[in-house]
Amino acid sequence: MLVIYVFYVLMVIFVSLLPSTGVSFWHIDKIGHFFAYAGMAVLALLAFNSGISRSSALFFAVALGAALEWGQSFVPGRDMSLIDGMANTLGVITGTVLFWFRGQHITRYVARFIKELP
């Protein structure tokens, strides 16, 4: 699970630092920010077992969101956005709450899915 989490984080970093290819339509990108960081939170909670590791991973996700928003100010066609950073943080919080209430179900589903992989 740790490998999947690390790959996911690297993909978020890569996509976040790509030059912009278009205009945001109705700020729909905020939904993408929200779900990307909610997924990161759930994967972090699946990947780590101890409370300190989990807390550190969640703090890292929020800090990464802020750092990538700042980094986007140096990428052509991209801008730093406080609202995007807020969507990132809200995603981490929502993913954490979702895992808090449904963590056992999510863990069982993922374990079953991993067993079915070749």
N, C-alpha and C. Protein backbone atom coordinates (compact mmCIF):
# COMPACT_ATOMS: atom_id res chain seq x y z
N MET A 1 0.82 -1.20 0.00
CA MET A 1 0.00 0.00 0.00
C MET A 1 0.86 1.26 0.00
N LEU A 2 2.02 1.16 0.64
CA LEU A 2 2.92 2.31 0.70
C LEU A 2 3.39 2.71 -0.70
N VAL A 3 3.63 1.73 -1.55
CA VAL A 3 4.08 2.01 -2.92
C VAL A 3 2.99 2.77 -3.68
N ILE A 4 1.76 2.37 -3.50
CA ILE A 4 0.64 3.04 -4.18
C ILE A 4 0.52 4.48 -3.67
N TYR A 5 0.66 4.67 -2.38
CA TYR A 5 0.59 6.01 -1.80
C TYR A 5 1.70 6.91 -2.36
N VAL A 6 2.92 6.41 -2.38
CA VAL A 6 4.05 7.21 -2.89
C VAL A 6 3.84 7.53 -4.37
N PHE A 7 3.40 6.56 -5.15
CA PHE A 7 3.12 6.80 -6.58
C PHE A 7 2.05 7.87 -6.74
N TYR A 8 1.01 7.80 -5.94
CA TYR A 8 -0.08 8.77 -6.00
C TYR A 8 0.42 10.18 -5.67
N VAL A 9 1.23 10.29 -4.63
CA VAL A 9 1.79 11.60 -4.25
C VAL A 9 2.65 12.14 -5.39
N LEU A 10 3.48 11.30 -5.98
CA LEU A 10 4.33 11.74 -7.09
C LEU A 10 3.49 12.19 -8.29
N MET A 11 2.39 11.51 -8.55
CA MET A 11 1.51 11.91 -9.65
C MET A 11 0.84 13.25 -9.37
N VAL A 12 0.42 13.48 -8.14
CA VAL A 12 -0.16 14.77 -7.77
C VAL A 12 0.87 15.88 -7.96
N ILE A 13 2.10 15.63 -7.56
CA ILE A 13 3.16 16.63 -7.74
C ILE A 13 3.37 16.91 -9.22
N PHE A 14 3.48 15.86 -10.01
CA PHE A 14 3.71 16.00 -11.44
C PHE A 14 2.59 16.80 -12.12
N VAL A 15 1.36 16.41 -11.87
CA VAL A 15 0.22 17.08 -12.50
C VAL A 15 0.10 18.53 -12.01
N SER A 16 0.40 18.76 -10.76
CA SER A 16 0.29 20.11 -10.20
C SER A 16 1.29 21.09 -10.80
N LEU A 17 2.41 20.57 -11.26
CA LEU A 17 3.45 21.46 -11.77
C LEU A 17 3.54 21.48 -13.30
N LEU A 18 2.55 20.88 -13.97
CA LEU A 18 2.48 20.98 -15.42
C LEU A 18 2.01 22.37 -15.82
N PRO A 19 2.53 22.91 -16.91
CA PRO A 19 2.01 24.19 -17.39
C PRO A 19 0.52 24.08 -17.74
N SER A 20 -0.21 25.15 -17.57
CA SER A 20 -1.64 25.15 -17.83
C SER A 20 -1.91 25.04 -19.32
N THR A 21 -2.97 24.30 -19.65
CA THR A 21 -3.35 24.13 -21.05
C THR A 21 -4.66 24.81 -21.38
N GLY A 22 -5.30 25.42 -20.41
CA GLY A 22 -6.58 26.04 -20.70
C GLY A 22 -7.07 26.90 -19.56
N VAL A 23 -8.33 27.34 -19.71
CA VAL A 23 -8.97 28.21 -18.74
C VAL A 23 -9.89 27.36 -17.86
N SER A 24 -9.90 27.64 -16.58
CA SER A 24 -10.79 26.94 -15.66
C SER A 24 -12.24 27.31 -15.96
N PHE A 25 -13.07 26.31 -16.11
CA PHE A 25 -14.48 26.50 -16.42
C PHE A 25 -15.27 26.48 -15.11
N TRP A 26 -15.81 27.60 -14.72
CA TRP A 26 -16.59 27.74 -13.48
C TRP A 26 -15.79 27.29 -12.26
N HIS A 27 -14.50 27.41 -12.32
CA HIS A 27 -13.63 26.98 -11.22
C HIS A 27 -13.83 25.51 -10.86
N ILE A 28 -14.14 24.69 -11.87
CA ILE A 28 -14.37 23.27 -11.63
C ILE A 28 -13.12 22.56 -11.16
N ASP A 29 -11.95 23.18 -11.36
CA ASP A 29 -10.70 22.56 -10.91
C ASP A 29 -10.66 22.41 -9.39
N LYS A 30 -11.45 23.20 -8.69
CA LYS A 30 -11.49 23.08 -7.22
C LYS A 30 -11.99 21.70 -6.81
N ILE A 31 -12.90 21.14 -7.59
CA ILE A 31 -13.42 19.80 -7.31
C ILE A 31 -12.30 18.78 -7.48
N GLY A 32 -11.48 18.97 -8.51
CA GLY A 32 -10.34 18.08 -8.71
C GLY A 32 -9.34 18.17 -7.57
N HIS A 33 -9.07 19.40 -7.11
CA HIS A 33 -8.18 19.58 -5.96
C HIS A 33 -8.74 18.84 -4.74
N PHE A 34 -10.02 19.04 -4.49
CA PHE A 34 -10.67 18.43 -3.33
C PHE A 34 -10.53 16.90 -3.36
N PHE A 35 -10.89 16.28 -4.50
CA PHE A 35 -10.86 14.82 -4.57
C PHE A 35 -9.44 14.27 -4.60
N ALA A 36 -8.51 15.00 -5.22
CA ALA A 36 -7.12 14.53 -5.25
C ALA A 36 -6.56 14.43 -3.83
N TYR A 37 -6.84 15.43 -3.01
CA TYR A 37 -6.30 15.43 -1.65
C TYR A 37 -7.12 14.57 -0.69
N ALA A 38 -8.40 14.38 -0.96
CA ALA A 38 -9.18 13.43 -0.17
C ALA A 38 -8.64 12.02 -0.42
N GLY A 39 -8.35 11.71 -1.68
CA GLY A 39 -7.77 10.41 -2.01
C GLY A 39 -6.40 10.23 -1.38
N MET A 40 -5.60 11.30 -1.37
CA MET A 40 -4.29 11.23 -0.75
C MET A 40 -4.41 10.93 0.74
N ALA A 41 -5.38 11.54 1.41
CA ALA A 41 -5.58 11.30 2.84
C ALA A 41 -5.98 9.84 3.09
N VAL A 42 -6.91 9.32 2.31
CA VAL A 42 -7.35 7.93 2.49
C VAL A 42 -6.18 6.98 2.24
N LEU A 43 -5.43 7.20 1.17
CA LEU A 43 -4.29 6.33 0.90
C LEU A 43 -3.23 6.42 2.00
N ALA A 44 -3.02 7.61 2.55
CA ALA A 44 -2.06 7.76 3.65
C ALA A 44 -2.52 6.95 4.86
N LEU A 45 -3.80 7.00 5.15
CA LEU A 45 -4.32 6.28 6.31
C LEU A 45 -4.30 4.77 6.09
N LEU A 46 -4.39 4.34 4.83
CA LEU A 46 -4.27 2.92 4.52
C LEU A 46 -2.80 2.46 4.56
N ALA A 47 -1.90 3.35 4.16
CA ALA A 47 -0.49 2.99 4.03
C ALA A 47 0.25 2.93 5.37
N PHE A 48 -0.20 3.73 6.33
CA PHE A 48 0.50 3.81 7.60
C PHE A 48 -0.39 3.28 8.72
N ASN A 49 0.25 2.64 9.71
CA ASN A 49 -0.51 2.02 10.80
C ASN A 49 -0.47 2.80 12.10
N SER A 50 0.65 3.42 12.41
CA SER A 50 0.75 4.09 13.71
C SER A 50 0.14 5.48 13.65
N GLY A 51 -0.29 5.95 14.79
CA GLY A 51 -0.92 7.26 14.88
C GLY A 51 0.02 8.39 14.49
N ILE A 52 1.28 8.28 14.88
CA ILE A 52 2.25 9.33 14.54
C ILE A 52 2.51 9.36 13.04
N SER A 53 2.66 8.19 12.44
CA SER A 53 2.89 8.12 10.99
C SER A 53 1.69 8.67 10.23
N ARG A 54 0.52 8.31 10.66
CA ARG A 54 -0.69 8.80 10.00
C ARG A 54 -0.83 10.31 10.13
N SER A 55 -0.62 10.81 11.35
CA SER A 55 -0.70 12.25 11.57
C SER A 55 0.33 13.00 10.72
N SER A 56 1.53 12.45 10.67
CA SER A 56 2.59 13.07 9.88
C SER A 56 2.23 13.08 8.39
N ALA A 57 1.68 11.99 7.90
CA ALA A 57 1.29 11.91 6.49
C ALA A 57 0.18 12.90 6.16
N LEU A 58 -0.76 13.08 7.07
CA LEU A 58 -1.85 14.04 6.84
C LEU A 58 -1.33 15.47 6.88
N PHE A 59 -0.43 15.75 7.82
CA PHE A 59 0.19 17.07 7.87
C PHE A 59 1.00 17.31 6.61
N PHE A 60 1.72 16.28 6.15
CA PHE A 60 2.49 16.37 4.91
C PHE A 60 1.58 16.70 3.73
N ALA A 61 0.40 16.08 3.67
CA ALA A 61 -0.52 16.34 2.55
C ALA A 61 -0.95 17.80 2.52
N VAL A 62 -1.27 18.35 3.67
CA VAL A 62 -1.67 19.77 3.73
C VAL A 62 -0.48 20.66 3.35
N ALA A 63 0.69 20.35 3.89
CA ALA A 63 1.89 21.15 3.57
C ALA A 63 2.25 21.01 2.10
N LEU A 64 2.11 19.82 1.54
CA LEU A 64 2.39 19.61 0.12
C LEU A 64 1.45 20.44 -0.74
N GLY A 65 0.16 20.46 -0.38
CA GLY A 65 -0.80 21.28 -1.11
C GLY A 65 -0.42 22.74 -1.13
N ALA A 66 0.02 23.24 0.02
CA ALA A 66 0.44 24.65 0.11
C ALA A 66 1.71 24.89 -0.70
N ALA A 67 2.67 23.97 -0.60
CA ALA A 67 3.93 24.13 -1.32
C ALA A 67 3.72 24.07 -2.83
N LEU A 68 2.85 23.19 -3.28
CA LEU A 68 2.59 23.09 -4.72
C LEU A 68 1.85 24.32 -5.24
N GLU A 69 0.97 24.87 -4.42
CA GLU A 69 0.30 26.11 -4.84
C GLU A 69 1.33 27.22 -5.00
N TRP A 70 2.26 27.32 -4.08
CA TRP A 70 3.33 28.31 -4.20
C TRP A 70 4.19 28.01 -5.42
N GLY A 71 4.52 26.74 -5.63
CA GLY A 71 5.33 26.35 -6.77
C GLY A 71 4.68 26.67 -8.10
N GLN A 72 3.36 26.64 -8.13
CA GLN A 72 2.65 26.94 -9.38
C GLN A 72 2.84 28.39 -9.80
N SER A 73 3.21 29.25 -8.89
CA SER A 73 3.43 30.65 -9.27
C SER A 73 4.65 30.79 -10.18
N PHE A 74 5.50 29.76 -10.25
CA PHE A 74 6.67 29.78 -11.10
C PHE A 74 6.46 29.02 -12.42
N VAL A 75 5.29 28.41 -12.59
CA VAL A 75 5.00 27.60 -13.78
C VAL A 75 4.22 28.44 -14.78
N PRO A 76 4.64 28.45 -16.06
CA PRO A 76 3.92 29.24 -17.06
C PRO A 76 2.45 28.85 -17.16
N GLY A 77 1.59 29.86 -17.14
CA GLY A 77 0.16 29.64 -17.26
C GLY A 77 -0.53 29.22 -15.98
N ARG A 78 0.21 29.08 -14.88
CA ARG A 78 -0.37 28.67 -13.61
C ARG A 78 -0.26 29.82 -12.62
N ASP A 79 -1.17 29.85 -11.68
CA ASP A 79 -1.17 30.88 -10.65
C ASP A 79 -1.32 30.22 -9.28
N MET A 80 -0.76 30.85 -8.28
CA MET A 80 -0.97 30.43 -6.91
C MET A 80 -2.38 30.86 -6.51
N SER A 81 -3.10 29.97 -5.84
CA SER A 81 -4.49 30.28 -5.48
C SER A 81 -4.77 29.84 -4.05
N LEU A 82 -5.19 30.78 -3.23
CA LEU A 82 -5.56 30.47 -1.86
C LEU A 82 -6.78 29.54 -1.84
N ILE A 83 -7.70 29.73 -2.76
CA ILE A 83 -8.91 28.89 -2.81
C ILE A 83 -8.54 27.45 -3.17
N ASP A 84 -7.58 27.26 -4.09
CA ASP A 84 -7.11 25.91 -4.39
C ASP A 84 -6.49 25.27 -3.16
N GLY A 85 -5.70 26.03 -2.41
CA GLY A 85 -5.10 25.52 -1.18
C GLY A 85 -6.16 25.14 -0.16
N MET A 86 -7.20 25.93 -0.10
CA MET A 86 -8.31 25.60 0.83
C MET A 86 -9.02 24.34 0.38
N ALA A 87 -9.20 24.16 -0.94
CA ALA A 87 -9.83 22.94 -1.46
C ALA A 87 -8.96 21.73 -1.14
N ASN A 88 -7.63 21.88 -1.26
CA ASN A 88 -6.71 20.80 -0.90
C ASN A 88 -6.88 20.41 0.56
N THR A 89 -6.86 21.39 1.44
CA THR A 89 -6.98 21.14 2.88
C THR A 89 -8.33 20.54 3.22
N LEU A 90 -9.39 21.06 2.63
CA LEU A 90 -10.72 20.50 2.87
C LEU A 90 -10.80 19.05 2.39
N GLY A 91 -10.11 18.75 1.30
CA GLY A 91 -10.05 17.37 0.81
C GLY A 91 -9.37 16.45 1.80
N VAL A 92 -8.25 16.90 2.38
CA VAL A 92 -7.55 16.09 3.38
C VAL A 92 -8.45 15.86 4.59
N ILE A 93 -9.13 16.90 5.04
CA ILE A 93 -10.01 16.77 6.20
C ILE A 93 -11.16 15.81 5.89
N THR A 94 -11.76 15.95 4.72
CA THR A 94 -12.88 15.09 4.34
C THR A 94 -12.44 13.63 4.18
N GLY A 95 -11.28 13.42 3.56
CA GLY A 95 -10.76 12.06 3.43
C GLY A 95 -10.49 11.43 4.77
N THR A 96 -10.00 12.22 5.71
CA THR A 96 -9.73 11.72 7.06
C THR A 96 -11.03 11.37 7.78
N VAL A 97 -12.02 12.23 7.68
CA VAL A 97 -13.31 11.96 8.31
C VAL A 97 -13.97 10.73 7.68
N LEU A 98 -13.90 10.64 6.36
CA LEU A 98 -14.45 9.46 5.67
C LEU A 98 -13.79 8.20 6.18
N PHE A 99 -12.48 8.22 6.31
CA PHE A 99 -11.76 7.04 6.79
C PHE A 99 -12.09 6.76 8.25
N TRP A 100 -12.30 7.81 9.01
CA TRP A 100 -12.64 7.65 10.43
C TRP A 100 -13.96 6.88 10.57
N PHE A 101 -14.94 7.23 9.73
CA PHE A 101 -16.25 6.57 9.82
C PHE A 101 -16.33 5.26 9.05
N ARG A 102 -15.58 5.13 7.96
CA ARG A 102 -15.70 3.96 7.10
C ARG A 102 -14.38 3.25 6.85
N GLY A 103 -13.40 3.46 7.71
CA GLY A 103 -12.07 2.90 7.52
C GLY A 103 -12.05 1.39 7.42
N GLN A 104 -12.84 0.71 8.25
CA GLN A 104 -12.86 -0.75 8.20
C GLN A 104 -13.40 -1.25 6.87
N HIS A 105 -14.43 -0.61 6.37
CA HIS A 105 -15.01 -1.01 5.09
C HIS A 105 -14.04 -0.75 3.95
N ILE A 106 -13.39 0.40 3.99
CA ILE A 106 -12.42 0.76 2.95
C ILE A 106 -11.25 -0.22 2.99
N THR A 107 -10.76 -0.53 4.17
CA THR A 107 -9.63 -1.45 4.32
C THR A 107 -9.98 -2.83 3.79
N ARG A 108 -11.16 -3.33 4.12
CA ARG A 108 -11.59 -4.65 3.62
C ARG A 108 -11.71 -4.66 2.11
N TYR A 109 -12.27 -3.59 1.55
CA TYR A 109 -12.45 -3.52 0.11
C TYR A 109 -11.10 -3.49 -0.59
N VAL A 110 -10.18 -2.70 -0.10
CA VAL A 110 -8.85 -2.59 -0.71
C VAL A 110 -8.11 -3.92 -0.59
N ALA A 111 -8.21 -4.58 0.57
CA ALA A 111 -7.54 -5.86 0.76
C ALA A 111 -8.08 -6.89 -0.22
N ARG A 112 -9.38 -6.90 -0.43
CA ARG A 112 -9.99 -7.83 -1.38
C ARG A 112 -9.53 -7.52 -2.80
N PHE A 113 -9.45 -6.24 -3.14
CA PHE A 113 -9.02 -5.83 -4.47
C PHE A 113 -7.56 -6.22 -4.71
N ILE A 114 -6.71 -6.04 -3.72
CA ILE A 114 -5.30 -6.37 -3.86
C ILE A 114 -5.10 -7.88 -4.02
N LYS A 115 -5.90 -8.68 -3.34
CA LYS A 115 -5.81 -10.13 -3.46
C LYS A 115 -6.16 -10.60 -4.87
N GLU A 116 -7.03 -9.85 -5.56
CA GLU A 116 -7.46 -10.25 -6.90
C GLU A 116 -6.48 -9.86 -7.98
N LEU A 117 -5.49 -9.03 -7.65
CA LEU A 117 -4.49 -8.63 -8.63
C LEU A 117 -3.61 -9.84 -8.98
N PRO A 118 -3.18 -9.93 -10.26
CA PRO A 118 -2.35 -11.08 -10.65
C PRO A 118 -0.99 -11.07 -10.00
